Amino acid sequence: MNPRDADQVLTIYQHGLDTGHASFETIAPAWPEFDAAKLDRYRYVATDPTADPANNVLGWIAASPVSDRCCYAGVVEHSIYISPHARGQGIGTALLTTFIAATEADDIWTIQTGVFPENAPSLRLHAKAGFRTVGTRQRLGRLHGHWRDVILLERRSHAVL
């Protein structure tokens, strides 16, 4: 992922936000804010090589730091979003597989994420990639006036111990 992907990445992000089942956010940020919130490493886009470069991003994944404390240096949180027209085609699996391999190569031992219980496709994708449910954070926040639970998932590396 790089700045030339910004418009497509943020459009895909907004599509996910519009579902009401992806995040507590409702409006995708501008690129500078998005960029600042993500780690420089572990940002990937899946593209369609046959499509116009201005409209070829099918999905993206990126990491955020969990904490700046040194004891959490091997822990990241990730977000993954797939374009509505590319869902169900293995894009999420490909992105998550690439992401996991890259983080493990850099000694990241835990990847975590939070998913709304209603987001069944994301829960299935993460389970298939070896994530486990740590617990449910009940009534963690409000979205559109309603309290929402968040399922906390993590994947502990077997390669980085």
Protein backbone atom coordinates (compact mmCIF):
# COMPACT_ATOMS: atom_id res chain seq x y z
CA MET A 1 0.00 0.00 0.00
CA ASN A 2 1.30 3.42 -0.89
CA PRO A 3 -0.09 6.93 -1.32
CA ARG A 4 -1.17 6.31 -4.92
CA ASP A 5 -3.61 3.69 -3.51
CA ALA A 6 -5.09 6.20 -1.06
CA ASP A 7 -8.37 7.00 -2.84
CA GLN A 8 -9.18 3.36 -3.50
CA VAL A 9 -8.17 2.23 0.00
CA LEU A 10 -10.32 4.90 1.62
CA THR A 11 -13.25 4.14 -0.69
CA ILE A 12 -13.12 0.45 0.26
CA TYR A 13 -12.84 1.47 3.92
CA GLN A 14 -15.93 3.68 3.57
CA HIS A 15 -17.88 0.81 1.96
CA GLY A 16 -17.07 -1.30 5.01
CA LEU A 17 -18.04 1.48 7.40
CA ASP A 18 -21.33 1.94 5.56
CA THR A 19 -22.33 -1.63 6.47
CA GLY A 20 -22.45 -0.67 10.14
CA HIS A 21 -20.67 -3.92 11.01
CA ALA A 22 -17.02 -3.00 10.46
CA SER A 23 -16.03 -0.29 12.93
CA PHE A 24 -17.24 2.32 15.36
CA GLU A 25 -16.02 4.85 12.81
CA THR A 26 -18.63 6.13 10.38
CA ILE A 27 -16.51 8.27 8.05
CA ALA A 28 -13.18 7.21 6.58
CA PRO A 29 -10.47 9.69 7.53
CA ALA A 30 -8.42 11.70 5.09
CA TRP A 31 -5.26 9.96 3.92
CA PRO A 32 -2.87 11.85 6.26
CA GLU A 33 -4.82 10.70 9.32
CA PHE A 34 -5.17 7.15 8.01
CA ASP A 35 -1.48 7.03 7.14
CA ALA A 36 -0.41 8.35 10.55
CA ALA A 37 -2.49 5.73 12.40
CA LYS A 38 -0.91 2.76 10.61
CA LEU A 39 2.54 1.29 10.95
CA ASP A 40 4.80 1.91 7.96
CA ARG A 41 5.28 -1.84 7.58
CA TYR A 42 2.56 -4.45 7.12
CA ARG A 43 0.37 -2.49 4.70
CA TYR A 44 -0.80 -4.45 1.70
CA VAL A 45 -3.30 -4.10 -1.09
CA ALA A 46 -4.65 -6.84 -3.32
CA THR A 47 -4.99 -5.65 -6.90
CA ASP A 48 -6.49 -6.84 -10.13
CA PRO A 49 -3.62 -6.68 -12.65
CA THR A 50 -6.07 -6.60 -15.56
CA ALA A 51 -7.94 -3.53 -14.28
CA ASP A 52 -7.25 0.14 -14.80
CA PRO A 53 -4.69 1.18 -12.13
CA ALA A 54 -7.12 3.89 -11.00
CA ASN A 55 -9.62 1.18 -10.06
CA ASN A 56 -7.67 -2.01 -9.39
CA VAL A 57 -7.52 -2.31 -5.57
CA LEU A 58 -9.66 -5.23 -4.38
CA GLY A 59 -8.87 -5.02 -0.67
CA TRP A 60 -6.33 -3.95 1.90
CA ILE A 61 -4.82 -4.87 5.25
CA ALA A 62 -2.75 -2.72 7.60
CA ALA A 63 -1.39 -2.82 11.13
CA SER A 64 -1.54 -0.38 14.00
CA PRO A 65 0.58 -0.46 17.12
CA VAL A 66 -1.08 -1.81 20.25
CA SER A 67 1.17 0.16 22.58
CA ASP A 68 4.44 2.05 22.48
CA ARG A 69 5.71 0.15 25.55
CA CYS A 70 8.68 -2.04 24.62
CA CYS A 71 7.09 -5.19 26.09
CA TYR A 72 4.44 -4.98 23.34
CA ALA A 73 6.92 -4.66 20.47
CA GLY A 74 5.75 -8.01 19.09
CA VAL A 75 2.04 -7.26 19.20
CA VAL A 76 0.05 -5.48 16.48
CA GLU A 77 -3.59 -4.87 15.73
CA HIS A 78 -4.81 -5.13 12.17
CA SER A 79 -7.68 -4.03 9.99
CA ILE A 80 -8.75 -5.72 6.78
CA TYR A 81 -11.32 -4.52 4.27
CA ILE A 82 -12.43 -6.05 0.98
CA SER A 83 -14.19 -4.22 -1.85
CA PRO A 84 -17.88 -5.19 -2.09
CA HIS A 85 -17.40 -6.53 -5.64
CA ALA A 86 -14.42 -8.70 -4.58
CA ARG A 87 -15.86 -10.41 -1.51
CA GLY A 88 -15.97 -14.20 -1.47
CA GLN A 89 -13.09 -14.53 -3.95
CA GLY A 90 -10.27 -15.38 -1.52
CA ILE A 91 -8.89 -11.84 -1.38
CA GLY A 92 -9.15 -11.69 2.42
CA THR A 93 -7.37 -15.02 2.79
CA ALA A 94 -4.57 -13.92 0.47
CA LEU A 95 -4.10 -10.61 2.28
CA LEU A 96 -4.18 -12.17 5.73
CA THR A 97 -1.76 -14.93 4.73
CA THR A 98 0.71 -12.39 3.34
CA PHE A 99 0.30 -10.21 6.42
CA ILE A 100 0.90 -13.09 8.84
CA ALA A 101 4.03 -14.23 6.98
CA ALA A 102 5.46 -10.70 7.00
CA THR A 103 4.77 -10.11 10.67
CA GLU A 104 6.23 -13.47 11.69
CA ALA A 105 9.37 -12.74 9.64
CA ASP A 106 9.79 -9.64 11.83
CA ASP A 107 9.21 -11.47 15.13
CA ILE A 108 5.65 -10.29 15.70
CA TRP A 109 4.22 -12.90 18.05
CA THR A 110 0.63 -11.69 18.40
CA ILE A 111 -1.82 -10.17 15.95
CA GLN A 112 -5.08 -8.97 17.39
CA THR A 113 -8.29 -7.47 16.07
CA GLY A 114 -11.79 -6.61 17.22
CA VAL A 115 -14.81 -7.73 15.20
CA PHE A 116 -18.51 -7.01 15.70
CA PRO A 117 -20.41 -10.28 16.32
CA GLU A 118 -22.64 -9.51 13.33
CA ASN A 119 -19.65 -9.59 10.94
CA ALA A 120 -19.79 -13.33 10.28
CA PRO A 121 -17.57 -13.26 7.15
CA SER A 122 -14.75 -11.59 9.10
CA LEU A 123 -15.10 -14.03 11.98
CA ARG A 124 -14.89 -16.98 9.54
CA LEU A 125 -11.87 -15.49 7.76
CA HIS A 126 -9.99 -15.00 11.01
CA ALA A 127 -10.88 -18.44 12.37
CA LYS A 128 -9.59 -20.01 9.14
CA ALA A 129 -6.31 -18.10 9.60
CA GLY A 130 -5.79 -19.43 13.12
CA PHE A 131 -7.24 -16.60 15.21
CA ARG A 132 -8.98 -17.53 18.43
CA THR A 133 -11.62 -15.69 20.38
CA VAL A 134 -10.14 -14.17 23.51
CA GLY A 135 -13.46 -12.82 24.73
CA THR A 136 -16.32 -10.48 24.08
CA ARG A 137 -16.09 -6.89 25.18
CA GLN A 138 -19.72 -6.23 25.97
CA ARG A 139 -21.26 -2.85 25.23
CA LEU A 140 -17.84 -1.50 24.35
CA GLY A 141 -19.15 1.51 22.48
CA ARG A 142 -22.13 3.09 20.79
CA LEU A 143 -22.72 3.16 17.08
CA HIS A 144 -25.74 5.00 15.70
CA GLY A 145 -27.17 5.17 19.22
CA HIS A 146 -26.87 1.46 19.94
CA TRP A 147 -24.43 -0.31 22.25
CA ARG A 148 -22.22 -2.74 20.38
CA ASP A 149 -20.22 -5.72 21.55
CA VAL A 150 -16.79 -6.45 20.07
CA ILE A 151 -15.23 -9.89 19.86
CA LEU A 152 -11.51 -9.71 20.59
CA LEU A 153 -9.53 -12.11 18.42
CA GLU A 154 -5.85 -12.94 18.48
CA ARG A 155 -3.42 -15.09 16.59
CA ARG A 156 -0.36 -16.23 18.46
CA SER A 157 2.52 -17.17 16.21
CA HIS A 158 3.89 -20.68 16.39
CA ALA A 159 6.99 -19.53 14.54
CA VAL A 160 7.89 -16.71 16.94
CA LEU A 161 8.21 -18.08 20.46
